[in-house]
Amino acid sequence: MNPFEMIVIIVLICVGAGVVNNYFRMKANRQADAASDADMDRVLGEVNRLKERVRVLEKIATDQERQLSEEIRKLA
């Protein structure tokens, strides 16, 4: 075997190994991204639910103040 052929074969093996390595790394990253997307959806759903609860609590708090003000006016 010619030394030039050996160098070419070694370079092709290294390049091929690098391509395969990058493929597996990208595949793992896609799986991690899918998991983080699911977590993000869950967190956004929880934030929206909490925002709705805060709106309801704000409504209850402001309604009670109005009722209290009306009762005070009735007494005066």
N, C-alpha and C. Protein backbone atom coordinates (compact mmCIF):
# COMPACT_ATOMS: atom_id res chain seq x y z
N MET A 1 0.85 -1.17 0.00
CA MET A 1 0.00 0.00 0.00
C MET A 1 0.90 1.24 0.00
N ASN A 2 0.53 2.16 -0.77
CA ASN A 2 1.23 3.42 -0.97
C ASN A 2 1.04 4.33 0.27
N PRO A 3 2.05 5.06 0.72
CA PRO A 3 1.89 5.96 1.88
C PRO A 3 0.81 7.03 1.64
N PHE A 4 0.68 7.49 0.43
CA PHE A 4 -0.35 8.48 0.11
C PHE A 4 -1.74 7.89 0.31
N GLU A 5 -1.94 6.64 -0.11
CA GLU A 5 -3.23 5.97 0.06
C GLU A 5 -3.54 5.78 1.55
N MET A 6 -2.54 5.46 2.34
CA MET A 6 -2.75 5.29 3.77
C MET A 6 -3.17 6.60 4.42
N ILE A 7 -2.55 7.70 4.01
CA ILE A 7 -2.92 9.01 4.56
C ILE A 7 -4.36 9.35 4.18
N VAL A 8 -4.72 9.09 2.94
CA VAL A 8 -6.09 9.38 2.49
C VAL A 8 -7.09 8.53 3.27
N ILE A 9 -6.80 7.26 3.48
CA ILE A 9 -7.70 6.38 4.22
C ILE A 9 -7.83 6.84 5.67
N ILE A 10 -6.72 7.22 6.29
CA ILE A 10 -6.76 7.70 7.68
C ILE A 10 -7.60 8.98 7.77
N VAL A 11 -7.42 9.89 6.83
CA VAL A 11 -8.21 11.14 6.83
C VAL A 11 -9.69 10.83 6.63
N LEU A 12 -10.02 9.93 5.71
CA LEU A 12 -11.43 9.57 5.49
C LEU A 12 -12.05 8.93 6.73
N ILE A 13 -11.29 8.08 7.41
CA ILE A 13 -11.80 7.46 8.64
C ILE A 13 -12.06 8.53 9.70
N CYS A 14 -11.14 9.48 9.85
CA CYS A 14 -11.31 10.55 10.85
C CYS A 14 -12.51 11.43 10.51
N VAL A 15 -12.65 11.78 9.25
CA VAL A 15 -13.78 12.62 8.84
C VAL A 15 -15.10 11.87 9.05
N GLY A 16 -15.11 10.59 8.66
CA GLY A 16 -16.32 9.78 8.85
C GLY A 16 -16.69 9.66 10.32
N ALA A 17 -15.69 9.45 11.17
CA ALA A 17 -15.96 9.36 12.61
C ALA A 17 -16.50 10.69 13.15
N GLY A 18 -15.97 11.80 12.64
CA GLY A 18 -16.47 13.11 13.07
C GLY A 18 -17.91 13.33 12.65
N VAL A 19 -18.26 12.90 11.43
CA VAL A 19 -19.64 13.05 10.96
C VAL A 19 -20.59 12.20 11.80
N VAL A 20 -20.20 10.96 12.07
CA VAL A 20 -21.04 10.08 12.88
C VAL A 20 -21.19 10.64 14.30
N ASN A 21 -20.11 11.15 14.86
CA ASN A 21 -20.15 11.74 16.19
C ASN A 21 -21.11 12.94 16.23
N ASN A 22 -21.03 13.81 15.22
CA ASN A 22 -21.93 14.97 15.16
C ASN A 22 -23.38 14.55 15.00
N TYR A 23 -23.62 13.49 14.23
CA TYR A 23 -24.98 12.99 14.05
C TYR A 23 -25.58 12.55 15.39
N PHE A 24 -24.81 11.76 16.14
CA PHE A 24 -25.32 11.29 17.43
C PHE A 24 -25.50 12.44 18.42
N ARG A 25 -24.61 13.41 18.38
CA ARG A 25 -24.73 14.56 19.26
C ARG A 25 -25.98 15.38 18.92
N MET A 26 -26.25 15.58 17.64
CA MET A 26 -27.45 16.33 17.23
C MET A 26 -28.71 15.57 17.61
N LYS A 27 -28.68 14.25 17.48
CA LYS A 27 -29.84 13.44 17.84
C LYS A 27 -30.13 13.57 19.34
N ALA A 28 -29.10 13.55 20.16
CA ALA A 28 -29.27 13.71 21.61
C ALA A 28 -29.79 15.11 21.93
N ASN A 29 -29.31 16.12 21.23
CA ASN A 29 -29.78 17.49 21.46
C ASN A 29 -31.25 17.64 21.10
N ARG A 30 -31.69 16.98 20.03
CA ARG A 30 -33.10 17.06 19.65
C ARG A 30 -33.98 16.46 20.73
N GLN A 31 -33.55 15.36 21.32
CA GLN A 31 -34.32 14.74 22.39
C GLN A 31 -34.38 15.65 23.62
N ALA A 32 -33.26 16.29 23.94
CA ALA A 32 -33.23 17.21 25.08
C ALA A 32 -34.11 18.42 24.81
N ASP A 33 -34.11 18.91 23.56
CA ASP A 33 -34.95 20.04 23.21
C ASP A 33 -36.43 19.68 23.31
N ALA A 34 -36.79 18.48 22.92
CA ALA A 34 -38.18 18.04 23.02
C ALA A 34 -38.61 17.99 24.49
N ALA A 35 -37.73 17.52 25.35
CA ALA A 35 -38.05 17.46 26.78
C ALA A 35 -38.18 18.87 27.36
N SER A 36 -37.29 19.77 26.95
CA SER A 36 -37.37 21.14 27.48
C SER A 36 -38.59 21.86 26.92
N ASP A 37 -39.02 21.53 25.69
CA ASP A 37 -40.24 22.12 25.14
C ASP A 37 -41.45 21.67 25.95
N ALA A 38 -41.47 20.40 26.32
CA ALA A 38 -42.58 19.89 27.14
C ALA A 38 -42.59 20.59 28.50
N ASP A 39 -41.42 20.78 29.10
CA ASP A 39 -41.34 21.48 30.38
C ASP A 39 -41.80 22.92 30.23
N MET A 40 -41.41 23.56 29.13
CA MET A 40 -41.81 24.96 28.90
C MET A 40 -43.32 25.06 28.75
N ASP A 41 -43.94 24.13 28.02
CA ASP A 41 -45.40 24.14 27.88
C ASP A 41 -46.07 23.96 29.23
N ARG A 42 -45.53 23.06 30.05
CA ARG A 42 -46.11 22.83 31.38
C ARG A 42 -46.01 24.09 32.24
N VAL A 43 -44.85 24.73 32.20
CA VAL A 43 -44.64 25.94 33.00
C VAL A 43 -45.54 27.07 32.51
N LEU A 44 -45.67 27.23 31.20
CA LEU A 44 -46.55 28.28 30.67
C LEU A 44 -48.00 28.04 31.05
N GLY A 45 -48.42 26.78 31.03
CA GLY A 45 -49.78 26.45 31.46
C GLY A 45 -50.00 26.79 32.92
N GLU A 46 -49.00 26.49 33.74
CA GLU A 46 -49.12 26.80 35.17
C GLU A 46 -49.13 28.31 35.40
N VAL A 47 -48.32 29.05 34.66
CA VAL A 47 -48.30 30.51 34.79
C VAL A 47 -49.66 31.09 34.40
N ASN A 48 -50.24 30.60 33.31
CA ASN A 48 -51.55 31.09 32.89
C ASN A 48 -52.62 30.78 33.93
N ARG A 49 -52.54 29.58 34.52
CA ARG A 49 -53.51 29.21 35.57
C ARG A 49 -53.34 30.12 36.79
N LEU A 50 -52.10 30.41 37.16
CA LEU A 50 -51.86 31.29 38.30
C LEU A 50 -52.30 32.72 38.02
N LYS A 51 -52.11 33.19 36.79
CA LYS A 51 -52.58 34.53 36.43
C LYS A 51 -54.09 34.62 36.57
N GLU A 52 -54.79 33.57 36.15
CA GLU A 52 -56.25 33.56 36.28
C GLU A 52 -56.65 33.58 37.75
N ARG A 53 -55.94 32.84 38.58
CA ARG A 53 -56.25 32.85 40.01
C ARG A 53 -56.01 34.24 40.62
N VAL A 54 -54.93 34.91 40.19
CA VAL A 54 -54.65 36.25 40.70
C VAL A 54 -55.76 37.21 40.27
N ARG A 55 -56.23 37.09 39.02
CA ARG A 55 -57.35 37.94 38.57
C ARG A 55 -58.58 37.75 39.44
N VAL A 56 -58.88 36.49 39.74
CA VAL A 56 -60.05 36.20 40.58
C VAL A 56 -59.86 36.78 41.98
N LEU A 57 -58.66 36.62 42.54
CA LEU A 57 -58.41 37.17 43.87
C LEU A 57 -58.47 38.68 43.87
N GLU A 58 -57.96 39.32 42.83
CA GLU A 58 -58.04 40.78 42.74
C GLU A 58 -59.50 41.22 42.66
N LYS A 59 -60.29 40.49 41.90
CA LYS A 59 -61.71 40.82 41.78
C LYS A 59 -62.41 40.69 43.12
N ILE A 60 -62.10 39.60 43.85
CA ILE A 60 -62.70 39.41 45.17
C ILE A 60 -62.28 40.53 46.11
N ALA A 61 -61.01 40.90 46.09
CA ALA A 61 -60.52 41.94 47.00
C ALA A 61 -61.16 43.28 46.68
N THR A 62 -61.28 43.62 45.42
CA THR A 62 -61.88 44.92 45.08
C THR A 62 -63.37 44.92 45.30
N ASP A 63 -64.05 43.81 45.09
CA ASP A 63 -65.49 43.75 45.33
C ASP A 63 -65.79 43.91 46.81
N GLN A 64 -64.99 43.31 47.67
CA GLN A 64 -65.22 43.43 49.10
C GLN A 64 -65.03 44.87 49.55
N GLU A 65 -64.08 45.58 48.99
CA GLU A 65 -63.88 46.98 49.36
C GLU A 65 -65.09 47.81 48.95
N ARG A 66 -65.62 47.56 47.80
CA ARG A 66 -66.81 48.31 47.36
C ARG A 66 -68.01 48.02 48.27
N GLN A 67 -68.18 46.76 48.61
CA GLN A 67 -69.29 46.41 49.49
C GLN A 67 -69.13 47.07 50.85
N LEU A 68 -67.91 47.09 51.37
CA LEU A 68 -67.64 47.72 52.66
C LEU A 68 -67.91 49.22 52.58
N SER A 69 -67.49 49.85 51.49
CA SER A 69 -67.74 51.29 51.32
C SER A 69 -69.23 51.57 51.27
N GLU A 70 -69.97 50.73 50.56
CA GLU A 70 -71.43 50.94 50.48
C GLU A 70 -72.09 50.75 51.84
N GLU A 71 -71.63 49.78 52.62
CA GLU A 71 -72.20 49.57 53.96
C GLU A 71 -71.90 50.75 54.86
N ILE A 72 -70.71 51.33 54.76
CA ILE A 72 -70.35 52.50 55.57
C ILE A 72 -71.23 53.69 55.16
N ARG A 73 -71.43 53.87 53.87
CA ARG A 73 -72.30 54.98 53.41
C ARG A 73 -73.72 54.81 53.91
N LYS A 74 -74.20 53.57 53.93
CA LYS A 74 -75.57 53.32 54.41
C LYS A 74 -75.68 53.67 55.90
N LEU A 75 -74.62 53.43 56.68
CA LEU A 75 -74.65 53.72 58.10
C LEU A 75 -74.59 55.23 58.37
N ALA A 76 -73.98 55.99 57.47
CA ALA A 76 -73.80 57.42 57.71
C ALA A 76 -75.00 58.20 57.38
